[in-house]
Amino acid sequence: MAEITSRELRNDLPKLLKRVAEGEHFVITIDGQPRATLQALDKRPRWVSGAEFAGLLDGYQSDSGLREDLRVLAPDSTDDIP
């Protein structure tokens, strides 16, 4: 990871952001001391719809023994109330 000073960040921000978009990371220093990092954000979406989320889970098997474990651990469940 390359180091850049806060002054370089201020003066060359557009150029540095382009380099970050190309995959570089930077440590920002103030008076020679590391203070922050500059790196690209994850490309994952921050929000997905319920249908998309269900689609992401499709194909994953839940723990087959979970229902029995819960019955043993919490026998006073209300699941049997009509």
N, C-alpha and C. Protein backbone atom coordinates (compact mmCIF):
# COMPACT_ATOMS: atom_id res chain seq x y z
N MET A 1 0.85 -1.17 0.00
CA MET A 1 0.00 0.00 0.00
C MET A 1 0.90 1.24 0.00
N ALA A 2 0.67 2.12 -0.92
CA ALA A 2 1.47 3.34 -1.02
C ALA A 2 1.02 4.35 0.03
N GLU A 3 1.96 5.16 0.45
CA GLU A 3 1.63 6.24 1.40
C GLU A 3 1.52 7.56 0.64
N ILE A 4 0.54 8.36 1.04
CA ILE A 4 0.38 9.71 0.49
C ILE A 4 0.14 10.65 1.66
N THR A 5 0.57 11.88 1.49
CA THR A 5 0.35 12.87 2.54
C THR A 5 -1.03 13.49 2.38
N SER A 6 -1.51 14.08 3.43
CA SER A 6 -2.82 14.74 3.36
C SER A 6 -2.78 15.86 2.32
N ARG A 7 -1.63 16.49 2.15
CA ARG A 7 -1.49 17.55 1.14
C ARG A 7 -1.64 16.96 -0.28
N GLU A 8 -1.01 15.80 -0.52
CA GLU A 8 -1.16 15.14 -1.83
C GLU A 8 -2.62 14.78 -2.08
N LEU A 9 -3.28 14.30 -1.04
CA LEU A 9 -4.69 13.96 -1.17
C LEU A 9 -5.51 15.17 -1.58
N ARG A 10 -5.28 16.28 -0.92
CA ARG A 10 -6.01 17.51 -1.21
C ARG A 10 -5.71 18.01 -2.63
N ASN A 11 -4.43 17.98 -3.03
CA ASN A 11 -4.04 18.54 -4.31
C ASN A 11 -4.32 17.64 -5.51
N ASP A 12 -4.30 16.33 -5.30
CA ASP A 12 -4.41 15.38 -6.42
C ASP A 12 -5.58 14.43 -6.29
N LEU A 13 -6.65 14.85 -5.64
CA LEU A 13 -7.75 13.94 -5.37
C LEU A 13 -8.32 13.26 -6.61
N PRO A 14 -8.63 13.97 -7.70
CA PRO A 14 -9.19 13.27 -8.87
C PRO A 14 -8.26 12.17 -9.41
N LYS A 15 -6.97 12.46 -9.47
CA LYS A 15 -6.01 11.46 -9.96
C LYS A 15 -5.95 10.26 -9.01
N LEU A 16 -5.95 10.52 -7.71
CA LEU A 16 -5.88 9.44 -6.73
C LEU A 16 -7.15 8.59 -6.76
N LEU A 17 -8.30 9.22 -6.92
CA LEU A 17 -9.55 8.45 -6.99
C LEU A 17 -9.58 7.56 -8.23
N LYS A 18 -9.00 8.02 -9.31
CA LYS A 18 -8.92 7.19 -10.52
C LYS A 18 -8.04 5.97 -10.25
N ARG A 19 -6.91 6.19 -9.57
CA ARG A 19 -6.04 5.07 -9.23
C ARG A 19 -6.71 4.09 -8.28
N VAL A 20 -7.51 4.62 -7.33
CA VAL A 20 -8.26 3.75 -6.42
C VAL A 20 -9.26 2.91 -7.20
N ALA A 21 -9.93 3.53 -8.16
CA ALA A 21 -10.90 2.79 -8.98
C ALA A 21 -10.22 1.68 -9.77
N GLU A 22 -8.93 1.85 -10.05
CA GLU A 22 -8.17 0.82 -10.78
C GLU A 22 -7.60 -0.24 -9.84
N GLY A 23 -7.86 -0.10 -8.54
CA GLY A 23 -7.49 -1.16 -7.59
C GLY A 23 -6.40 -0.82 -6.60
N GLU A 24 -5.84 0.39 -6.65
CA GLU A 24 -4.80 0.73 -5.69
C GLU A 24 -5.39 1.14 -4.34
N HIS A 25 -4.59 0.98 -3.28
CA HIS A 25 -4.95 1.42 -1.93
C HIS A 25 -3.87 2.37 -1.45
N PHE A 26 -4.25 3.32 -0.62
CA PHE A 26 -3.29 4.29 -0.09
C PHE A 26 -3.47 4.45 1.41
N VAL A 27 -2.35 4.69 2.08
CA VAL A 27 -2.36 5.09 3.48
C VAL A 27 -2.12 6.59 3.49
N ILE A 28 -3.02 7.33 4.13
CA ILE A 28 -2.89 8.78 4.20
C ILE A 28 -2.16 9.13 5.49
N THR A 29 -1.11 9.94 5.36
CA THR A 29 -0.33 10.31 6.53
C THR A 29 -0.44 11.80 6.82
N ILE A 30 -0.32 12.12 8.10
CA ILE A 30 -0.25 13.51 8.55
C ILE A 30 0.99 13.59 9.44
N ASP A 31 1.90 14.48 9.09
CA ASP A 31 3.17 14.61 9.81
C ASP A 31 3.89 13.26 9.92
N GLY A 32 3.81 12.48 8.84
CA GLY A 32 4.51 11.20 8.79
C GLY A 32 3.82 10.06 9.52
N GLN A 33 2.69 10.31 10.15
CA GLN A 33 1.98 9.28 10.91
C GLN A 33 0.76 8.80 10.10
N PRO A 34 0.59 7.49 9.95
CA PRO A 34 -0.58 6.97 9.23
C PRO A 34 -1.87 7.35 9.97
N ARG A 35 -2.84 7.86 9.23
CA ARG A 35 -4.10 8.29 9.85
C ARG A 35 -5.33 7.64 9.25
N ALA A 36 -5.26 7.26 7.97
CA ALA A 36 -6.44 6.70 7.32
C ALA A 36 -6.02 5.93 6.08
N THR A 37 -6.97 5.20 5.52
CA THR A 37 -6.72 4.52 4.25
C THR A 37 -7.72 5.02 3.21
N LEU A 38 -7.29 4.97 1.98
CA LEU A 38 -8.14 5.33 0.85
C LEU A 38 -8.20 4.11 -0.04
N GLN A 39 -9.39 3.53 -0.15
CA GLN A 39 -9.56 2.34 -0.98
C GLN A 39 -10.98 2.30 -1.51
N ALA A 40 -11.16 1.50 -2.56
CA ALA A 40 -12.47 1.40 -3.19
C ALA A 40 -13.45 0.68 -2.26
N LEU A 41 -14.71 1.03 -2.39
CA LEU A 41 -15.77 0.35 -1.65
C LEU A 41 -16.06 -1.00 -2.29
N ASP A 42 -16.67 -1.89 -1.53
CA ASP A 42 -17.13 -3.16 -2.09
C ASP A 42 -18.09 -2.89 -3.23
N LYS A 43 -18.07 -3.78 -4.19
CA LYS A 43 -18.99 -3.62 -5.32
C LYS A 43 -20.31 -4.35 -5.07
N ARG A 44 -20.44 -4.94 -3.87
CA ARG A 44 -21.69 -5.60 -3.54
C ARG A 44 -22.78 -4.56 -3.33
N PRO A 45 -24.00 -4.89 -3.71
CA PRO A 45 -25.09 -3.94 -3.45
C PRO A 45 -25.33 -3.81 -1.95
N ARG A 46 -25.72 -2.63 -1.51
CA ARG A 46 -25.97 -2.41 -0.09
C ARG A 46 -27.37 -2.87 0.29
N TRP A 47 -28.26 -3.02 -0.67
CA TRP A 47 -29.62 -3.41 -0.38
C TRP A 47 -30.10 -4.33 -1.49
N VAL A 48 -30.79 -5.38 -1.13
CA VAL A 48 -31.42 -6.25 -2.12
C VAL A 48 -32.86 -6.47 -1.71
N SER A 49 -33.70 -6.69 -2.69
CA SER A 49 -35.12 -6.92 -2.40
C SER A 49 -35.28 -8.29 -1.74
N GLY A 50 -36.44 -8.49 -1.16
CA GLY A 50 -36.74 -9.77 -0.52
C GLY A 50 -36.66 -10.92 -1.51
N ALA A 51 -37.15 -10.70 -2.73
CA ALA A 51 -37.11 -11.75 -3.75
C ALA A 51 -35.67 -12.08 -4.14
N GLU A 52 -34.83 -11.05 -4.26
CA GLU A 52 -33.42 -11.28 -4.59
C GLU A 52 -32.73 -12.04 -3.46
N PHE A 53 -33.04 -11.65 -2.22
CA PHE A 53 -32.44 -12.32 -1.07
C PHE A 53 -32.83 -13.79 -1.04
N ALA A 54 -34.11 -14.07 -1.27
CA ALA A 54 -34.58 -15.45 -1.31
C ALA A 54 -33.85 -16.23 -2.40
N GLY A 55 -33.63 -15.58 -3.53
CA GLY A 55 -32.90 -16.22 -4.62
C GLY A 55 -31.46 -16.54 -4.24
N LEU A 56 -30.84 -15.66 -3.46
CA LEU A 56 -29.47 -15.90 -3.01
C LEU A 56 -29.39 -17.11 -2.08
N LEU A 57 -30.45 -17.32 -1.31
CA LEU A 57 -30.47 -18.45 -0.37
C LEU A 57 -30.90 -19.75 -1.02
N ASP A 58 -31.47 -19.67 -2.19
CA ASP A 58 -31.96 -20.86 -2.90
C ASP A 58 -30.81 -21.85 -3.10
N GLY A 59 -31.04 -23.06 -2.73
CA GLY A 59 -30.02 -24.08 -2.90
C GLY A 59 -29.20 -24.36 -1.66
N TYR A 60 -29.37 -23.56 -0.61
CA TYR A 60 -28.66 -23.82 0.64
C TYR A 60 -29.57 -24.64 1.56
N GLN A 61 -29.02 -25.67 2.14
CA GLN A 61 -29.77 -26.55 3.04
C GLN A 61 -29.65 -26.02 4.46
N SER A 62 -30.78 -25.89 5.13
CA SER A 62 -30.73 -25.49 6.54
C SER A 62 -30.28 -26.68 7.38
N ASP A 63 -29.93 -26.43 8.61
CA ASP A 63 -29.48 -27.47 9.53
C ASP A 63 -30.65 -28.41 9.80
N SER A 64 -30.53 -29.65 9.36
CA SER A 64 -31.64 -30.60 9.49
C SER A 64 -31.95 -30.94 10.95
N GLY A 65 -31.00 -30.79 11.85
CA GLY A 65 -31.23 -31.11 13.25
C GLY A 65 -31.66 -29.93 14.09
N LEU A 66 -31.78 -28.76 13.49
CA LEU A 66 -32.10 -27.56 14.26
C LEU A 66 -33.46 -27.64 14.93
N ARG A 67 -34.49 -28.13 14.24
CA ARG A 67 -35.83 -28.20 14.82
C ARG A 67 -35.83 -29.05 16.09
N GLU A 68 -35.16 -30.18 16.06
CA GLU A 68 -35.10 -31.06 17.23
C GLU A 68 -34.31 -30.40 18.36
N ASP A 69 -33.18 -29.74 18.02
CA ASP A 69 -32.39 -29.05 19.05
C ASP A 69 -33.24 -27.97 19.73
N LEU A 70 -33.99 -27.22 18.96
CA LEU A 70 -34.82 -26.16 19.53
C LEU A 70 -35.93 -26.75 20.40
N ARG A 71 -36.49 -27.88 19.99
CA ARG A 71 -37.54 -28.52 20.78
C ARG A 71 -37.00 -28.94 22.14
N VAL A 72 -35.77 -29.46 22.17
CA VAL A 72 -35.15 -29.90 23.42
C VAL A 72 -34.79 -28.69 24.28
N LEU A 73 -34.23 -27.65 23.66
CA LEU A 73 -33.76 -26.48 24.41
C LEU A 73 -34.89 -25.57 24.87
N ALA A 74 -35.96 -25.50 24.09
CA ALA A 74 -37.08 -24.60 24.42
C ALA A 74 -38.40 -25.35 24.25
N PRO A 75 -38.69 -26.28 25.17
CA PRO A 75 -39.89 -27.10 25.01
C PRO A 75 -41.19 -26.34 25.20
N ASP A 76 -41.15 -25.16 25.77
CA ASP A 76 -42.38 -24.40 26.04
C ASP A 76 -42.72 -23.47 24.88
N SER A 77 -42.52 -23.94 23.68
CA SER A 77 -42.81 -23.17 22.49
C SER A 77 -44.32 -23.02 22.28
N THR A 78 -44.70 -22.03 21.56
CA THR A 78 -46.13 -21.82 21.26
C THR A 78 -46.50 -22.34 19.87
N ASP A 79 -45.59 -23.08 19.23
CA ASP A 79 -45.84 -23.55 17.87
C ASP A 79 -47.06 -24.48 17.78
N ASP A 80 -47.40 -25.16 18.86
CA ASP A 80 -48.50 -26.12 18.80
C ASP A 80 -49.87 -25.49 19.10
N ILE A 81 -49.92 -24.21 19.39
CA ILE A 81 -51.20 -23.53 19.65
C ILE A 81 -51.90 -23.28 18.33
N PRO A 82 -53.19 -23.71 18.22
CA PRO A 82 -53.89 -23.54 16.93
C PRO A 82 -54.19 -22.09 16.59
